[in-house]
Each structure stands twice: as C-alpha cells, then as structure tokens.
Amino acid sequence: MNQAHLPEAARRVIFDRAILPSLFGDAQHPAEQDTGARPPVTVLVGGQPGAGKSRLEAELARNLDAVIVDVDQLRAFHPDYARLARSDDRTAAEATHTDVQTWSRWAIAYAIEHGINLIVSTTLRGPGDTAAQIEHHRAAGRDVEVVFLAVDLATSTLGVLQRYAADRADPRLGYGRYTPRAFQEAAYDGLPATAERVEDDQRAHRVHVMRRGGGQPLYTNSLDEGGRWRSPPAARAALTAERNRTWTAAEIAAFDERVAALRAVLPAWLQPDLDAAVADAAPHRLGPPASTSPARLAFPRPPHGLTARTPPPSSPPGGGALPPRPGRTRS
C-alpha cells in the first residue's frame, strides 16, 4: 500500500488555509455567544461504520451551532486521496490515516481553545480511549455528552455497502469509501463495554442511546448537582436491547429490498460482506414482529434530551429533548 504522509509543513498549510475556514468559518466564538450561556459542549457520537452517525451529527450541529469533526470528511482535503482512491478505494483511507488524524486533533484543539461547540464523530469502540477523551474535554471546562447509536450489525453493514455503491456510481467521484468487515465488527463489539464504562466513571455529563435515524432517545441519563446519575445506569442494557430486538414486518421488507438492490450492483469481492449481513439479520426475523422497541419498553421514562443551546439551569429531568429528526446477538 502507498503511504501518503504529508510533510508537517504541508499539513499545517492545508489545515490553516483550507480546513480551518471550511470547518470554523461560521462557528460562534465565545464573544458572539450570550455571556450567561452554559459552558461549551462536546458531543461524542459513537457507533460502528454504517450506523448512521452523519445524519444525527448534522442535526445536532444545527441545534447546537456546533462544528463536526469527522476524519472521513477531512479526507477530502488530502491532496493525494482522490488519486489513491481511484487506484484502489480499499486502501486509500488507511494510506491517508496519519494525516487526517492529525487534522482531526488540531481541529478539536482549535474548538477547545476558542470555546466552540463540538460534535466528534467516532466509533467509541475503546472504553479506555473514550474515558480519556471525556476527561480531556472536561478538563477544558466543557460539558460532555455521549451518544451511542444502537444499530444492529446487519443494518449497519448494509449502510456501509450502500454508501460504497452510491459513491462508486457518482460520476463526480468514481470511487467508494470502504470499511473492512473486520473493522466494522470490532467497532460493533466494542461499543457496549464503552457504554458501561462511561456510566461507571460518572464523568460524562449526559449519556444517550439512540436509534438510527434519530428521533427521541431510547435512553438518557444525566449527572445531578452532586455528580451522580439521576437514574440507575442502564446505557449498555438499552443499547443491547435495541440491537437485538425482533424487526417489524416493514423493517424486514425494507431490508430485503436493500439486499436485492445491492446484490445487483456490488462487485464480486463485496458479495461476501452482503452474505454476512443477510446471516446477521436472521435472528431479527424470529418471533412476532415488535411494534414498539424493547428498549423503549424497558426504559420508558421521558428523556432528559440532548443539549439545547441555553437550557434553564433548573430544568427538571425530562426537559429539553430535541424534536424528532431525521446481526449478531451481543451483550
């Protein structure tokens, strides 16, 4: 594989002249915000590739006047990425990884330094790494929220494959963004332990579990004034319940339609990934289709809600929710 590491000076020029204006051109700095507003917020949005993070992040960014830092979006600024992807779109992301990760760190540091609300797109597959991220942002005086996307592996695999097929068919690109199946599985498997660790540590100010496509959180918890959870920790249980639930008849039909469409357009080397998604879907077809998510039934209390821009400091639990927006069994 061709590595595309840029010289440090070139990285800095691209960051200063292209990435900073693109990401932060319209961002609100502290001088532009209300002096009585809450501290700047960092929202870590976690889920395996294909879980639907981008759609949720865009909605959160609009609601919070926040900047999204996503390494996949930063890849577009790399001068060699398009060339590498057209040559082999299975290896281009890894070849540019060092540079885009550096830009991601710099962008996060800039947001922290300037008090800008921030959405960080990540897999959250490592409990220790996630704990370190939370502590880093808390130490900077920021509120920290963590959102776990509860999406089964079959559905997220189709998301990865659909994105790849759509990008390959786009005449403006001609290449796809591929995530190896092993990486998808590792991210999927690591998320529940991270959810448990985040609540055990009691360092994130709020934790949410959400479905693909947004809407009201399936589960939410927040620290009280004493730094304790308002409700018994159950993020991992909510995540697992939603991932493992039986699909509705409409969901089964939609999944089968997506599989049929992908079967006709995916290259031969991706057909095994599609086969794996079909196998992962089998447990979700068993039993009577549920009209209500088991996660919703198990955790029915009203959500505290994702961060609003200026919530009343004395808001009781249950207020401030966002408006509706657009496998394998694991525990």
Protein backbone atom coordinates (compact mmCIF):
# COMPACT_ATOMS: atom_id res chain seq x y z
CA MET A 1 0.00 0.00 0.00
CA ASN A 2 1.22 3.50 -0.86
CA GLN A 3 1.50 5.68 2.22
CA ALA A 4 0.64 9.32 1.66
CA HIS A 5 2.16 11.02 4.68
CA LEU A 6 2.48 14.73 4.07
CA PRO A 7 5.38 16.80 5.40
CA GLU A 8 4.46 18.59 8.61
CA ALA A 9 4.66 21.99 6.94
CA ALA A 10 2.27 20.87 4.20
CA ARG A 11 -0.17 19.52 6.76
CA ARG A 12 -0.16 22.84 8.57
CA VAL A 13 -0.69 24.88 5.40
CA ILE A 14 -3.67 22.75 4.37
CA PHE A 15 -5.14 22.96 7.85
CA ASP A 16 -4.74 26.72 8.18
CA ARG A 17 -5.76 27.68 4.65
CA ALA A 18 -8.45 25.12 3.84
CA ILE A 19 -9.70 23.15 6.83
CA LEU A 20 -10.00 25.95 9.38
CA PRO A 21 -12.08 28.23 7.12
CA SER A 22 -14.23 25.30 5.99
CA LEU A 23 -14.99 23.96 9.47
CA PHE A 24 -14.99 27.09 11.58
CA GLY A 25 -15.96 29.90 9.22
CA ASP A 26 -19.50 30.20 10.63
CA ALA A 27 -18.81 28.88 14.13
CA GLN A 28 -19.81 31.02 17.09
CA HIS A 29 -16.94 32.11 19.30
CA PRO A 30 -17.45 32.99 22.98
CA ALA A 31 -17.54 36.72 22.21
CA GLU A 32 -20.55 36.10 19.97
CA GLN A 33 -22.43 33.98 22.49
CA ASP A 34 -24.55 35.03 25.44
CA THR A 35 -22.38 35.65 28.47
CA GLY A 36 -24.86 33.76 30.65
CA ALA A 37 -24.97 30.69 28.44
CA ARG A 38 -23.79 27.30 29.63
CA PRO A 39 -20.20 26.16 29.01
CA PRO A 40 -19.27 24.99 25.51
CA VAL A 41 -20.32 21.42 24.84
CA THR A 42 -18.60 18.44 23.26
CA VAL A 43 -20.85 15.66 21.98
CA LEU A 44 -19.14 12.34 21.21
CA VAL A 45 -21.29 10.43 18.71
CA GLY A 46 -20.37 6.76 18.66
CA GLY A 47 -21.35 3.80 16.55
CA GLN A 48 -19.88 1.30 14.12
CA PRO A 49 -19.41 2.30 10.47
CA GLY A 50 -22.74 2.46 8.66
CA ALA A 51 -24.73 3.07 11.86
CA GLY A 52 -25.99 6.44 10.64
CA LYS A 53 -23.79 8.86 12.56
CA SER A 54 -23.61 11.51 9.83
CA ARG A 55 -27.33 12.27 9.78
CA LEU A 56 -27.55 12.59 13.54
CA GLU A 57 -24.40 14.70 13.71
CA ALA A 58 -25.79 17.15 11.16
CA GLU A 59 -28.96 17.61 13.21
CA LEU A 60 -27.01 18.08 16.43
CA ALA A 61 -24.70 20.59 14.77
CA ARG A 62 -27.66 22.68 13.65
CA ASN A 63 -29.27 22.61 17.09
CA LEU A 64 -26.07 23.46 18.92
CA ASP A 65 -24.38 25.79 16.42
CA ALA A 66 -21.59 23.23 16.61
CA VAL A 67 -18.75 22.14 14.37
CA ILE A 68 -18.49 18.49 13.29
CA VAL A 69 -15.05 16.88 13.33
CA ASP A 70 -15.12 13.67 11.30
CA VAL A 71 -11.94 12.11 9.90
CA ASP A 72 -13.83 10.77 6.89
CA GLN A 73 -14.88 14.29 5.92
CA LEU A 74 -11.36 15.61 6.47
CA ARG A 75 -10.03 13.09 3.96
CA ALA A 76 -11.40 15.25 1.15
CA PHE A 77 -8.74 17.86 1.98
CA HIS A 78 -5.88 15.43 1.37
CA PRO A 79 -4.21 16.22 -1.97
CA ASP A 80 -3.48 12.55 -2.69
CA TYR A 81 -6.70 10.92 -1.51
CA ALA A 82 -8.71 11.07 -4.75
CA ARG A 83 -5.79 9.69 -6.75
CA LEU A 84 -5.22 6.87 -4.28
CA ALA A 85 -8.93 6.06 -4.09
CA ARG A 86 -9.30 5.86 -7.85
CA SER A 87 -6.34 3.49 -7.89
CA ASP A 88 -7.64 1.33 -5.01
CA ASP A 89 -10.50 2.55 -2.86
CA ARG A 90 -9.99 -0.35 -0.47
CA THR A 91 -6.69 1.03 0.82
CA ALA A 92 -6.85 4.81 0.28
CA ALA A 93 -8.36 5.58 3.68
CA GLU A 94 -5.62 3.74 5.55
CA ALA A 95 -2.93 5.33 3.39
CA THR A 96 -4.06 8.83 4.43
CA HIS A 97 -4.93 7.95 8.02
CA THR A 98 -1.96 9.63 9.71
CA ASP A 99 -2.58 12.98 8.06
CA VAL A 100 -6.34 13.13 8.63
CA GLN A 101 -5.98 12.02 12.24
CA THR A 102 -3.53 14.88 12.77
CA TRP A 103 -6.01 17.34 11.27
CA SER A 104 -8.73 15.92 13.50
CA ARG A 105 -6.63 16.52 16.62
CA TRP A 106 -5.82 20.05 15.52
CA ALA A 107 -9.47 20.82 14.78
CA ILE A 108 -10.57 19.55 18.19
CA ALA A 109 -7.83 21.57 19.87
CA TYR A 110 -8.93 24.69 17.99
CA ALA A 111 -12.55 24.22 19.06
CA ILE A 112 -11.49 23.76 22.68
CA GLU A 113 -9.21 26.79 22.62
CA HIS A 114 -11.92 29.03 21.19
CA GLY A 115 -14.86 27.66 23.20
CA ILE A 116 -16.74 26.39 20.15
CA ASN A 117 -19.44 23.72 20.48
CA LEU A 118 -18.15 20.48 19.00
CA ILE A 119 -19.51 17.23 17.59
CA VAL A 120 -16.89 14.47 17.38
CA SER A 121 -17.70 11.53 15.11
CA THR A 122 -16.12 8.32 16.37
CA THR A 123 -16.71 4.61 16.88
CA LEU A 124 -16.21 4.73 20.68
CA ARG A 125 -15.01 1.14 20.43
CA GLY A 126 -12.34 1.53 23.13
CA PRO A 127 -13.51 2.16 26.72
CA GLY A 128 -10.13 3.50 27.81
CA ASP A 129 -9.71 5.83 24.84
CA THR A 130 -13.24 7.12 25.31
CA ALA A 131 -12.65 7.78 29.00
CA ALA A 132 -9.51 9.74 28.11
CA GLN A 133 -11.43 11.82 25.56
CA ILE A 134 -14.13 12.66 28.08
CA GLU A 135 -11.56 13.66 30.69
CA HIS A 136 -9.69 15.82 28.17
CA HIS A 137 -12.80 17.83 27.32
CA ARG A 138 -13.95 18.08 30.92
CA ALA A 139 -10.55 19.38 31.96
CA ALA A 140 -11.03 22.19 29.43
CA GLY A 141 -14.20 23.26 31.23
CA ARG A 142 -16.62 21.81 28.70
CA ASP A 143 -19.86 19.92 29.13
CA VAL A 144 -19.54 16.43 27.66
CA GLU A 145 -22.37 14.36 26.21
CA VAL A 146 -22.02 10.88 24.74
CA VAL A 147 -24.45 9.47 22.20
CA PHE A 148 -24.43 5.74 21.44
CA LEU A 149 -26.17 4.68 18.22
CA ALA A 150 -27.95 1.38 18.82
CA VAL A 151 -27.88 -0.27 15.41
CA ASP A 152 -27.62 -3.98 14.67
CA LEU A 153 -24.70 -5.22 12.59
CA ALA A 154 -26.81 -6.35 9.64
CA THR A 155 -28.30 -2.89 9.20
CA SER A 156 -25.01 -1.06 9.57
CA THR A 157 -23.28 -3.41 7.13
CA LEU A 158 -25.91 -2.55 4.54
CA GLY A 159 -25.26 1.10 5.32
CA VAL A 160 -21.56 0.66 4.52
CA LEU A 161 -22.31 -1.22 1.31
CA GLN A 162 -24.96 1.25 0.13
CA ARG A 163 -22.62 4.17 0.71
CA TYR A 164 -19.87 2.40 -1.23
CA ALA A 165 -22.16 1.59 -4.16
CA ALA A 166 -23.59 5.13 -4.29
CA ASP A 167 -20.17 6.76 -4.24
CA ARG A 168 -18.83 4.44 -6.94
CA ALA A 169 -21.80 5.32 -9.14
CA ASP A 170 -21.35 9.07 -8.61
CA PRO A 171 -19.62 10.46 -11.73
CA ARG A 172 -18.06 13.21 -9.62
CA LEU A 173 -16.19 10.58 -7.59
CA GLY A 174 -15.90 7.23 -9.30
CA TYR A 175 -14.63 5.58 -6.12
CA GLY A 176 -16.18 4.40 -2.88
CA ARG A 177 -15.35 4.64 0.81
CA TYR A 178 -14.81 1.10 2.03
CA THR A 179 -14.60 -0.02 5.63
CA PRO A 180 -13.21 -3.55 6.07
CA ARG A 181 -15.63 -6.01 7.63
CA ALA A 182 -13.17 -6.78 10.45
CA PHE A 183 -13.11 -3.11 11.46
CA GLN A 184 -16.92 -2.96 11.39
CA GLU A 185 -17.13 -5.98 13.69
CA ALA A 186 -14.50 -4.64 16.09
CA ALA A 187 -16.34 -1.33 16.38
CA TYR A 188 -19.66 -3.10 16.88
CA ASP A 189 -18.28 -5.44 19.53
CA GLY A 190 -16.50 -2.70 21.48
CA LEU A 191 -19.41 -0.29 21.91
CA PRO A 192 -21.31 -2.00 24.77
CA ALA A 193 -18.26 -2.09 27.05
CA THR A 194 -17.68 1.59 26.35
CA ALA A 195 -21.29 2.42 27.24
CA GLU A 196 -20.86 0.62 30.55
CA ARG A 197 -17.52 2.29 31.28
CA VAL A 198 -18.85 5.78 30.56
CA GLU A 199 -21.61 5.39 33.13
CA ASP A 200 -19.35 3.65 35.63
CA ASP A 201 -16.89 6.55 35.51
CA GLN A 202 -19.58 9.23 36.03
CA ARG A 203 -17.54 11.77 34.08
CA ALA A 204 -19.76 12.49 31.06
CA HIS A 205 -22.48 14.96 31.96
CA ARG A 206 -25.12 13.20 29.85
CA VAL A 207 -25.43 9.85 28.09
CA HIS A 208 -27.94 8.95 25.39
CA VAL A 209 -28.80 5.82 23.40
CA MET A 210 -30.49 6.49 20.08
CA ARG A 211 -31.77 4.58 17.09
CA ARG A 212 -30.60 5.01 13.52
CA GLY A 213 -32.47 7.94 12.00
CA GLY A 214 -32.71 9.96 15.21
CA GLY A 215 -35.95 10.76 16.96
CA GLN A 216 -36.27 10.82 20.72
CA PRO A 217 -33.55 8.98 22.64
CA LEU A 218 -34.35 5.41 23.67
CA TYR A 219 -32.47 6.07 26.89
CA THR A 220 -30.90 9.09 28.50
CA ASN A 221 -29.21 9.81 31.80
CA SER A 222 -27.56 12.88 33.29
CA LEU A 223 -25.50 13.78 36.31
CA ASP A 224 -27.18 15.67 39.12
CA GLU A 225 -25.63 18.55 41.01
CA GLY A 226 -23.70 16.08 43.16
CA GLY A 227 -22.15 14.32 40.16
CA ARG A 228 -24.34 11.21 40.44
CA TRP A 229 -26.61 9.75 37.80
CA ARG A 230 -30.24 10.78 38.10
CA SER A 231 -31.31 7.26 37.10
CA PRO A 232 -29.67 3.85 37.62
CA PRO A 233 -27.07 3.32 34.85
CA ALA A 234 -28.51 1.24 32.01
CA ALA A 235 -26.94 2.52 28.79
CA ARG A 236 -25.42 -0.85 27.94
CA ALA A 237 -28.73 -2.64 28.53
CA ALA A 238 -30.62 -0.14 26.36
CA LEU A 239 -28.02 -0.44 23.59
CA THR A 240 -28.16 -4.23 23.64
CA ALA A 241 -31.97 -4.39 23.77
CA GLU A 242 -32.35 -2.23 20.69
CA ARG A 243 -29.61 -4.03 18.77
CA ASN A 244 -31.12 -7.44 19.46
CA ARG A 245 -34.81 -6.72 19.02
CA THR A 246 -37.05 -8.50 16.52
CA TRP A 247 -37.72 -6.43 13.43
CA THR A 248 -41.15 -5.31 12.30
CA ALA A 249 -42.61 -6.65 9.06
CA ALA A 250 -41.88 -3.30 7.42
CA GLU A 251 -38.25 -3.41 8.54
CA ILE A 252 -37.83 -6.95 7.19
CA ALA A 253 -39.30 -5.95 3.84
CA ALA A 254 -37.11 -2.85 3.62
CA PHE A 255 -34.00 -4.87 4.48
CA ASP A 256 -34.78 -7.48 1.83
CA GLU A 257 -35.34 -4.78 -0.79
CA ARG A 258 -32.00 -3.18 0.03
CA VAL A 259 -30.24 -6.55 -0.19
CA ALA A 260 -31.76 -7.27 -3.60
CA ALA A 261 -30.73 -3.86 -4.92
CA LEU A 262 -27.17 -4.25 -3.65
CA ARG A 263 -26.88 -7.81 -4.95
CA ALA A 264 -27.28 -6.43 -8.46
CA VAL A 265 -24.64 -3.69 -8.26
CA LEU A 266 -21.90 -4.72 -5.82
CA PRO A 267 -18.66 -6.14 -7.21
CA ALA A 268 -17.87 -9.79 -6.59
CA TRP A 269 -15.36 -9.02 -3.83
CA LEU A 270 -18.11 -7.36 -1.73
CA GLN A 271 -20.72 -10.09 -2.16
CA PRO A 272 -19.38 -11.97 0.92
CA ASP A 273 -19.99 -8.85 3.03
CA LEU A 274 -23.57 -8.81 1.77
CA ASP A 275 -23.91 -12.51 2.59
CA ALA A 276 -22.67 -11.78 6.11
CA ALA A 277 -25.29 -9.07 6.54
CA VAL A 278 -28.02 -11.48 5.48
CA ALA A 279 -26.76 -14.04 8.01
CA ASP A 280 -26.60 -11.39 10.74
CA ALA A 281 -30.22 -10.46 10.01
CA ALA A 282 -31.57 -13.95 10.68
CA PRO A 283 -32.05 -13.57 14.48
CA HIS A 284 -34.04 -10.38 13.93
CA ARG A 285 -36.65 -12.26 11.89
CA LEU A 286 -37.54 -14.67 14.68
CA GLY A 287 -40.64 -14.25 16.80
CA PRO A 288 -43.58 -11.90 16.33
CA PRO A 289 -42.56 -8.51 14.91
CA ALA A 290 -42.50 -5.90 17.64
CA SER A 291 -44.38 -2.65 17.04
CA THR A 292 -42.52 -1.00 19.90
CA SER A 293 -38.81 -1.22 20.56
CA PRO A 294 -37.94 -3.40 23.59
CA ALA A 295 -35.52 -0.67 24.55
CA ARG A 296 -38.41 1.79 24.72
CA LEU A 297 -40.46 -0.65 26.79
CA ALA A 298 -37.59 -1.34 29.18
CA PHE A 299 -36.59 2.31 29.57
CA PRO A 300 -39.86 4.25 29.20
CA ARG A 301 -39.04 7.35 31.24
CA PRO A 302 -39.07 10.66 29.37
CA PRO A 303 -35.64 11.62 28.04
CA HIS A 304 -33.73 14.49 29.56
CA GLY A 305 -32.83 15.29 25.97
CA LEU A 306 -29.74 16.22 24.09
CA THR A 307 -28.25 19.57 24.81
CA ALA A 308 -30.24 22.64 23.87
CA ARG A 309 -28.35 25.88 23.35
CA THR A 310 -29.50 27.68 26.51
CA PRO A 311 -31.47 25.35 28.81
CA PRO A 312 -32.78 26.76 32.07
CA PRO A 313 -30.31 25.86 34.83
CA SER A 314 -33.10 24.43 36.97
CA SER A 315 -34.76 22.31 34.27
CA PRO A 316 -36.13 19.12 35.86
CA PRO A 317 -35.28 15.72 34.43
CA GLY A 318 -37.31 15.14 31.30
CA GLY A 319 -36.98 18.57 29.68
CA GLY A 320 -35.05 19.85 26.73
CA ALA A 321 -35.33 16.94 24.27
CA LEU A 322 -34.57 17.53 20.62
CA PRO A 323 -37.56 17.48 18.26
CA PRO A 324 -37.88 14.38 16.04
CA ARG A 325 -35.18 14.14 13.40
CA PRO A 326 -34.28 12.75 10.69
CA GLY A 327 -26.70 -9.42 13.50
CA ARG A 328 -25.30 -10.85 15.81
CA THR A 329 -26.59 -11.04 19.34
CA ARG A 330 -24.14 -9.26 21.63
CA SER A 331 -24.24 -8.10 25.20
